[in-house]
Amino acid sequence: MDRERQVMEIEWEGGHRSTYSGEQLRWACPCAECRGEAGAPGRLARVKTLAPEELRVQDVSLIGQYALQIAFQSGHATGLYTFSLLRSLCACGECARTRN
């Protein structure tokens, strides 16, 4: 994670590289508070903007061998970003073509 530029890069097996901005990661947070639960919409479905401190990554931790926990400057850190989720978020042309 390059905290100054707020960019995280992952090099996957096979050499593919994915790049994510702090903002992209925050809007993709998979936690129940952000996505919703029990049929209720989450916070990210109810807001159009987030404060700058909510978009700045403060720390990234490996959870087992399957996910990253991303902590934002605002203190939000409950989302576990599985590697399959992160790969699905890759916005490069190659990944976009395989999703379509």
N, C-alpha and C. Protein backbone atom coordinates (compact mmCIF):
# COMPACT_ATOMS: atom_id res chain seq x y z
N MET A 1 0.85 -1.18 0.00
CA MET A 1 0.00 0.00 0.00
C MET A 1 0.89 1.22 0.00
N ASP A 2 0.71 2.07 -0.96
CA ASP A 2 1.41 3.36 -1.02
C ASP A 2 0.48 4.38 -0.36
N ARG A 3 0.72 4.67 0.91
CA ARG A 3 -0.19 5.56 1.65
C ARG A 3 -0.16 6.99 1.13
N GLU A 4 0.98 7.43 0.67
CA GLU A 4 1.05 8.80 0.15
C GLU A 4 0.16 8.98 -1.07
N ARG A 5 0.24 8.04 -1.99
CA ARG A 5 -0.57 8.12 -3.21
C ARG A 5 -1.95 7.50 -3.04
N GLN A 6 -2.17 6.78 -1.91
CA GLN A 6 -3.43 6.10 -1.65
C GLN A 6 -3.77 5.10 -2.75
N VAL A 7 -2.78 4.26 -3.06
CA VAL A 7 -2.93 3.24 -4.10
C VAL A 7 -2.41 1.91 -3.54
N MET A 8 -3.19 0.87 -3.73
CA MET A 8 -2.77 -0.48 -3.36
C MET A 8 -2.65 -1.30 -4.63
N GLU A 9 -1.55 -2.02 -4.75
CA GLU A 9 -1.34 -2.86 -5.92
C GLU A 9 -1.15 -4.30 -5.46
N ILE A 10 -1.80 -5.22 -6.16
CA ILE A 10 -1.66 -6.64 -5.90
C ILE A 10 -1.13 -7.30 -7.15
N GLU A 11 -0.10 -8.11 -6.98
CA GLU A 11 0.38 -8.94 -8.09
C GLU A 11 -0.12 -10.35 -7.82
N TRP A 12 -0.98 -10.83 -8.72
CA TRP A 12 -1.61 -12.13 -8.58
C TRP A 12 -0.70 -13.22 -9.14
N GLU A 13 -1.01 -14.46 -8.77
CA GLU A 13 -0.30 -15.58 -9.40
C GLU A 13 -0.50 -15.47 -10.90
N GLY A 14 0.50 -15.74 -11.64
CA GLY A 14 0.42 -15.61 -13.09
C GLY A 14 0.90 -14.26 -13.58
N GLY A 15 1.20 -13.34 -12.64
CA GLY A 15 1.79 -12.06 -13.01
C GLY A 15 0.82 -10.91 -13.23
N HIS A 16 -0.48 -11.17 -13.21
CA HIS A 16 -1.44 -10.07 -13.40
C HIS A 16 -1.35 -9.10 -12.24
N ARG A 17 -1.44 -7.80 -12.53
CA ARG A 17 -1.41 -6.77 -11.49
C ARG A 17 -2.72 -6.00 -11.48
N SER A 18 -3.23 -5.78 -10.28
CA SER A 18 -4.44 -4.98 -10.09
C SER A 18 -4.09 -3.79 -9.21
N THR A 19 -4.64 -2.64 -9.53
CA THR A 19 -4.40 -1.43 -8.78
C THR A 19 -5.72 -0.88 -8.28
N TYR A 20 -5.75 -0.50 -6.99
CA TYR A 20 -6.97 -0.01 -6.36
C TYR A 20 -6.68 1.29 -5.63
N SER A 21 -7.58 2.25 -5.75
CA SER A 21 -7.45 3.50 -4.99
C SER A 21 -8.13 3.31 -3.64
N GLY A 22 -7.76 4.13 -2.67
CA GLY A 22 -8.43 4.09 -1.38
C GLY A 22 -9.92 4.34 -1.52
N GLU A 23 -10.27 5.26 -2.38
CA GLU A 23 -11.69 5.57 -2.61
C GLU A 23 -12.43 4.36 -3.17
N GLN A 24 -11.84 3.69 -4.14
CA GLN A 24 -12.48 2.51 -4.73
C GLN A 24 -12.68 1.43 -3.66
N LEU A 25 -11.67 1.23 -2.83
CA LEU A 25 -11.77 0.21 -1.78
C LEU A 25 -12.85 0.56 -0.76
N ARG A 26 -12.94 1.82 -0.39
CA ARG A 26 -13.94 2.22 0.62
C ARG A 26 -15.36 2.02 0.10
N TRP A 27 -15.61 2.42 -1.15
CA TRP A 27 -16.95 2.25 -1.72
C TRP A 27 -17.30 0.78 -1.95
N ALA A 28 -16.30 -0.09 -1.95
CA ALA A 28 -16.54 -1.52 -2.15
C ALA A 28 -16.57 -2.29 -0.84
N CYS A 29 -16.52 -1.59 0.29
CA CYS A 29 -16.47 -2.27 1.59
C CYS A 29 -17.59 -3.31 1.70
N PRO A 30 -17.23 -4.56 2.01
CA PRO A 30 -18.23 -5.63 2.06
C PRO A 30 -18.88 -5.85 3.42
N CYS A 31 -18.60 -5.02 4.41
CA CYS A 31 -19.14 -5.27 5.75
C CYS A 31 -20.65 -5.05 5.79
N ALA A 32 -21.30 -5.60 6.82
CA ALA A 32 -22.76 -5.49 6.97
C ALA A 32 -23.20 -4.04 7.14
N GLU A 33 -22.43 -3.24 7.85
CA GLU A 33 -22.80 -1.82 8.02
C GLU A 33 -22.87 -1.11 6.67
N CYS A 34 -21.94 -1.39 5.81
CA CYS A 34 -21.88 -0.72 4.51
C CYS A 34 -22.82 -1.33 3.48
N ARG A 35 -22.95 -2.65 3.45
CA ARG A 35 -23.75 -3.35 2.45
C ARG A 35 -25.18 -3.59 2.88
N GLY A 36 -25.40 -3.63 4.19
CA GLY A 36 -26.73 -3.92 4.70
C GLY A 36 -26.84 -5.35 5.17
N GLU A 37 -27.89 -5.60 5.92
CA GLU A 37 -28.15 -6.95 6.41
C GLU A 37 -29.62 -7.08 6.77
N ALA A 38 -30.11 -8.30 6.82
CA ALA A 38 -31.50 -8.60 7.17
C ALA A 38 -32.49 -7.79 6.33
N GLY A 39 -32.15 -7.59 5.06
CA GLY A 39 -33.05 -6.89 4.14
C GLY A 39 -32.97 -5.38 4.21
N ALA A 40 -32.22 -4.84 5.14
CA ALA A 40 -32.08 -3.38 5.24
C ALA A 40 -30.87 -2.92 4.43
N PRO A 41 -31.00 -1.81 3.71
CA PRO A 41 -29.86 -1.33 2.92
C PRO A 41 -28.75 -0.83 3.84
N GLY A 42 -27.54 -0.96 3.36
CA GLY A 42 -26.38 -0.50 4.12
C GLY A 42 -26.13 0.99 3.94
N ARG A 43 -25.19 1.48 4.69
CA ARG A 43 -24.87 2.91 4.68
C ARG A 43 -24.46 3.39 3.29
N LEU A 44 -23.69 2.59 2.57
CA LEU A 44 -23.20 3.05 1.26
C LEU A 44 -24.31 3.18 0.22
N ALA A 45 -25.42 2.53 0.46
CA ALA A 45 -26.57 2.67 -0.44
C ALA A 45 -27.36 3.94 -0.13
N ARG A 46 -27.12 4.52 1.04
CA ARG A 46 -27.89 5.67 1.48
C ARG A 46 -27.15 7.00 1.35
N VAL A 47 -25.86 6.96 1.04
CA VAL A 47 -25.09 8.21 0.93
C VAL A 47 -24.52 8.35 -0.48
N LYS A 48 -24.29 9.58 -0.87
CA LYS A 48 -23.70 9.84 -2.20
C LYS A 48 -22.23 10.25 -2.11
N THR A 49 -21.83 10.74 -0.93
CA THR A 49 -20.45 11.16 -0.73
C THR A 49 -19.95 10.67 0.62
N LEU A 50 -18.64 10.58 0.73
CA LEU A 50 -18.00 10.22 1.99
C LEU A 50 -16.93 11.28 2.29
N ALA A 51 -16.72 11.53 3.56
CA ALA A 51 -15.71 12.51 3.97
C ALA A 51 -14.32 12.01 3.57
N PRO A 52 -13.38 12.91 3.32
CA PRO A 52 -12.04 12.51 2.90
C PRO A 52 -11.38 11.49 3.82
N GLU A 53 -11.57 11.60 5.14
CA GLU A 53 -10.92 10.65 6.05
C GLU A 53 -11.53 9.25 5.93
N GLU A 54 -12.73 9.14 5.37
CA GLU A 54 -13.32 7.83 5.14
C GLU A 54 -12.74 7.16 3.90
N LEU A 55 -12.09 7.91 3.05
CA LEU A 55 -11.55 7.38 1.79
C LEU A 55 -10.05 7.10 1.86
N ARG A 56 -9.40 7.51 2.94
CA ARG A 56 -7.95 7.34 3.08
C ARG A 56 -7.63 6.07 3.85
N VAL A 57 -6.88 5.18 3.22
CA VAL A 57 -6.46 3.94 3.85
C VAL A 57 -5.36 4.25 4.87
N GLN A 58 -5.54 3.72 6.06
CA GLN A 58 -4.55 3.90 7.12
C GLN A 58 -3.69 2.65 7.28
N ASP A 59 -4.31 1.46 7.15
CA ASP A 59 -3.57 0.23 7.37
C ASP A 59 -4.23 -0.91 6.61
N VAL A 60 -3.42 -1.91 6.27
CA VAL A 60 -3.91 -3.12 5.60
C VAL A 60 -3.30 -4.31 6.32
N SER A 61 -4.15 -5.28 6.70
CA SER A 61 -3.68 -6.48 7.40
C SER A 61 -4.14 -7.72 6.66
N LEU A 62 -3.27 -8.71 6.62
CA LEU A 62 -3.61 -10.00 6.03
C LEU A 62 -4.43 -10.80 7.04
N ILE A 63 -5.56 -11.35 6.61
CA ILE A 63 -6.42 -12.20 7.43
C ILE A 63 -6.31 -13.61 6.87
N GLY A 64 -5.66 -14.48 7.62
CA GLY A 64 -5.44 -15.84 7.13
C GLY A 64 -4.73 -15.80 5.78
N GLN A 65 -5.18 -16.64 4.89
CA GLN A 65 -4.65 -16.66 3.52
C GLN A 65 -5.74 -16.34 2.51
N TYR A 66 -6.81 -15.64 2.98
CA TYR A 66 -7.95 -15.45 2.10
C TYR A 66 -8.43 -14.02 1.97
N ALA A 67 -7.97 -13.09 2.81
CA ALA A 67 -8.55 -11.75 2.78
C ALA A 67 -7.60 -10.70 3.34
N LEU A 68 -7.94 -9.44 3.06
CA LEU A 68 -7.26 -8.29 3.64
C LEU A 68 -8.29 -7.52 4.46
N GLN A 69 -7.87 -7.05 5.62
CA GLN A 69 -8.70 -6.14 6.41
C GLN A 69 -8.12 -4.75 6.20
N ILE A 70 -8.95 -3.84 5.72
CA ILE A 70 -8.48 -2.50 5.39
C ILE A 70 -9.06 -1.52 6.40
N ALA A 71 -8.18 -0.79 7.05
CA ALA A 71 -8.57 0.22 8.04
C ALA A 71 -8.44 1.60 7.40
N PHE A 72 -9.49 2.38 7.53
CA PHE A 72 -9.50 3.72 6.96
C PHE A 72 -9.23 4.75 8.06
N GLN A 73 -8.80 5.91 7.66
CA GLN A 73 -8.43 6.97 8.59
C GLN A 73 -9.58 7.35 9.52
N SER A 74 -10.80 7.16 9.08
CA SER A 74 -11.99 7.48 9.88
C SER A 74 -12.19 6.49 11.03
N GLY A 75 -11.47 5.37 11.01
CA GLY A 75 -11.63 4.34 12.02
C GLY A 75 -12.42 3.13 11.52
N HIS A 76 -13.04 3.24 10.37
CA HIS A 76 -13.80 2.12 9.81
C HIS A 76 -12.83 1.01 9.39
N ALA A 77 -13.05 -0.20 9.92
CA ALA A 77 -12.12 -1.29 9.62
C ALA A 77 -12.79 -2.66 9.74
N THR A 78 -14.08 -2.75 9.50
CA THR A 78 -14.78 -4.01 9.71
C THR A 78 -14.91 -4.88 8.46
N GLY A 79 -14.57 -4.34 7.30
CA GLY A 79 -14.71 -5.12 6.08
C GLY A 79 -13.55 -6.07 5.85
N LEU A 80 -13.87 -7.30 5.49
CA LEU A 80 -12.85 -8.26 5.08
C LEU A 80 -12.95 -8.41 3.57
N TYR A 81 -11.93 -7.96 2.88
CA TYR A 81 -11.89 -7.98 1.43
C TYR A 81 -11.24 -9.28 1.00
N THR A 82 -12.05 -10.27 0.63
CA THR A 82 -11.48 -11.55 0.19
C THR A 82 -10.70 -11.32 -1.10
N PHE A 83 -9.76 -12.22 -1.34
CA PHE A 83 -8.99 -12.07 -2.56
C PHE A 83 -9.87 -12.23 -3.80
N SER A 84 -10.91 -13.06 -3.71
CA SER A 84 -11.81 -13.18 -4.86
C SER A 84 -12.58 -11.88 -5.09
N LEU A 85 -13.00 -11.20 -4.00
CA LEU A 85 -13.64 -9.90 -4.15
C LEU A 85 -12.69 -8.90 -4.78
N LEU A 86 -11.47 -8.84 -4.28
CA LEU A 86 -10.50 -7.89 -4.83
C LEU A 86 -10.24 -8.15 -6.30
N ARG A 87 -10.13 -9.41 -6.68
CA ARG A 87 -9.89 -9.71 -8.10
C ARG A 87 -11.09 -9.27 -8.94
N SER A 88 -12.30 -9.43 -8.40
CA SER A 88 -13.50 -9.03 -9.15
C SER A 88 -13.60 -7.51 -9.29
N LEU A 89 -12.93 -6.77 -8.42
CA LEU A 89 -12.95 -5.31 -8.48
C LEU A 89 -11.90 -4.74 -9.44
N CYS A 90 -11.02 -5.58 -9.96
CA CYS A 90 -9.97 -5.10 -10.86
C CYS A 90 -10.61 -4.41 -12.07
N ALA A 91 -10.19 -3.17 -12.30
CA ALA A 91 -10.81 -2.36 -13.36
C ALA A 91 -10.01 -2.34 -14.65
N CYS A 92 -8.98 -3.17 -14.75
CA CYS A 92 -8.17 -3.14 -15.97
C CYS A 92 -8.97 -3.67 -17.16
N GLY A 93 -8.53 -3.35 -18.33
CA GLY A 93 -9.23 -3.78 -19.55
C GLY A 93 -9.34 -5.27 -19.70
N GLU A 94 -8.29 -5.98 -19.34
CA GLU A 94 -8.29 -7.45 -19.44
C GLU A 94 -9.38 -8.05 -18.56
N CYS A 95 -9.47 -7.62 -17.33
CA CYS A 95 -10.49 -8.16 -16.40
C CYS A 95 -11.89 -7.72 -16.83
N ALA A 96 -12.03 -6.51 -17.31
CA ALA A 96 -13.34 -6.02 -17.76
C ALA A 96 -13.85 -6.89 -18.93
N ARG A 97 -12.96 -7.26 -19.84
CA ARG A 97 -13.36 -8.09 -20.98
C ARG A 97 -13.82 -9.48 -20.53
N THR A 98 -13.15 -10.06 -19.53
CA THR A 98 -13.53 -11.40 -19.09
C THR A 98 -14.83 -11.41 -18.29
N ARG A 99 -15.20 -10.26 -17.71
CA ARG A 99 -16.47 -10.18 -16.97
C ARG A 99 -17.65 -10.00 -17.92
N ASN A 100 -17.42 -9.47 -19.09
CA ASN A 100 -18.52 -9.21 -20.04
C ASN A 100 -18.78 -10.35 -20.95
